[in-house]
Every structure is written in structure tokens, then in C-alpha cells.
């Protein structure tokens, strides 16, 4: 699994001109899934996400986690995170898991985040054409790949 985390002051997801998710202070997570991802990847990423100290303390130092600030979370599926651009100019998405594999893992990822944060996690719609608006705070944008734990 590969994620892009963006610390936001606000973020929203719109599908067919209808806003389906909206948060204030928190994180927007773009989630890409490959065929060999599994529960171990979910558990490792969720632990990393909830403990990642990317929010400012009273001194303006990034010293607080999403749990510390009681922040909100939006998770959006994004198969394009696994695009290969090595050959030609058209990205290949062959590494990205097909919906039959990706959707259950996506749902489990969201459920695990909800369990660990004791908060409802908002989402986009899996496979939909989504419009994402955000006000990145910092900017703070971090990429994490569960296959690269070093």
C-alpha cells in the first residue's frame, strides 16, 4: 500500500456536484493498493499514520499526532499512486490492484483507522470520478509505502 498524507486545515470530496465528505483540521489520505497488499500492510500503515507527529505543538514544532489534536480524516482511493512512467508518456497502472482485491482492503483500512482513532473516517466513493478540494497546512505532504518500511 502506498499513501500520500496531507495535513489540512480543511478538505472535501465532491462526486456529481454533491459534497460527500468534508473535514476541518486533520489529514487527507490518498490510498493506492497493489495485489499483494494484506492485513499486515493495513496494520502497519494505520499505526504509522495515527502516531505520525505532523501537527504543531504550542511552540510551533511538529510534535503532535492526529490523535493528539483530535483531527479528522478523509481517505480517498487512488489507483494512480502506483502508476509506472518508465516507458512512454502514458502511465501504466498494471501494478494497481483490481477492484475485487482493492475494495475489501480499502474498506478494512478505513475500518481500522476508525477503530484506532475512535472517530468516524470520511471517504470518497471507491472508483468514482471525484473532485478533491483541500487547504494544505504547511504545506505538509508525506508519502509512505508499506513495502518500504526501512
Foldseek 3Di string as FASTA:
>chain_A
DKKKKFFFQKKWKDFPNRTQDIFGGDIEIEDFDFQPDDPVLLVVVLVCQQQPQQDQDPVGDSGDHCLRVVGAYEYEYDLCVCWDCPDDHDTDSVRTDDCVRPVVVVVVSQVVNCVVNVDHHHYDDPPGDMDMDGHGPPGDMDMDDSVDPD
